[in-house]
Amino acid sequence: MPDPREGYYAKRLEEVAEALGRNHFQAHVVPDAAAARDLVLERILPESRARTVSFGGSETLAATGLPQALAEKSEISVLDTFDRTIPPEELHERRRQALLVDLFLTGTNAVTEDGVLVNLDMIGNRVCAINFGPRQVVVLVGRNKIVPDLTSAFSRIKEFAAPANAMRLSKKTPCVATSHCEDCGSPDRICNVWAITEKSFPRGRVTVICINQDLGL
């Protein structure tokens, strides 16, 4: 018997994709991370004619294997902004330069049922790139990121995604100890820059790939 969760989320994702389309995003629904990777490599990348690519921090993106697959393409120049072998100052400069690439790939903290992206960043490089800079953007979204509305998005991010990501990144923040947002003043605080992307501008600049799997935090 087919897993009823797959059918349930397939319908929800199609509804979210339709809402994203009304908000001028390009939107696709795929069954899994492998299909998302293939869509980018076989369709979106060639159509974009991108020659420079970079990434925002995203567990969902990592699950697709796209960073490795793109790095193997000789015709693509990948700007790696997560190379921990280089000094922090150079990493920061690379993240500035990443705002000028042809194609930027990342995830999102939440997507509402009416097709709005909601994100919270530490330094803002990811949310800035989604909204301005790179010529084209691909946002990868696991089905677990769907929320009813903005209030639910804020709650999901502050009470789950942010503490979980602080734990993942080994930050020294109160939420790592309590699992709850403490609205802290820690130097390691990752909750600094909010972005609500109601519509893609220009139309179609941002492509959202909705994936029928639980991916990321």
Foldseek 3Di string as FASTA:
>chain_A
DDDVLLVVLVVLQVLLCVLQVVQLAAEAEDAALCVVLCCCVPPVCVVLVFQEEEEDDFQSPVVNVNVVVQVPDPSHHYQYLPPPVDDPVVSVVSLVVNLAGQEYEYEAQAAESNGKTKHFFQVCSVVCSQAHRHQAYEYEYESVRYDHDDVRSVCSCQQAVQLVVCCVVVFDDVCVVVSGRPVDPDPRRTGDDIDMGSHHPPRHRYYYYYYHHDTTD
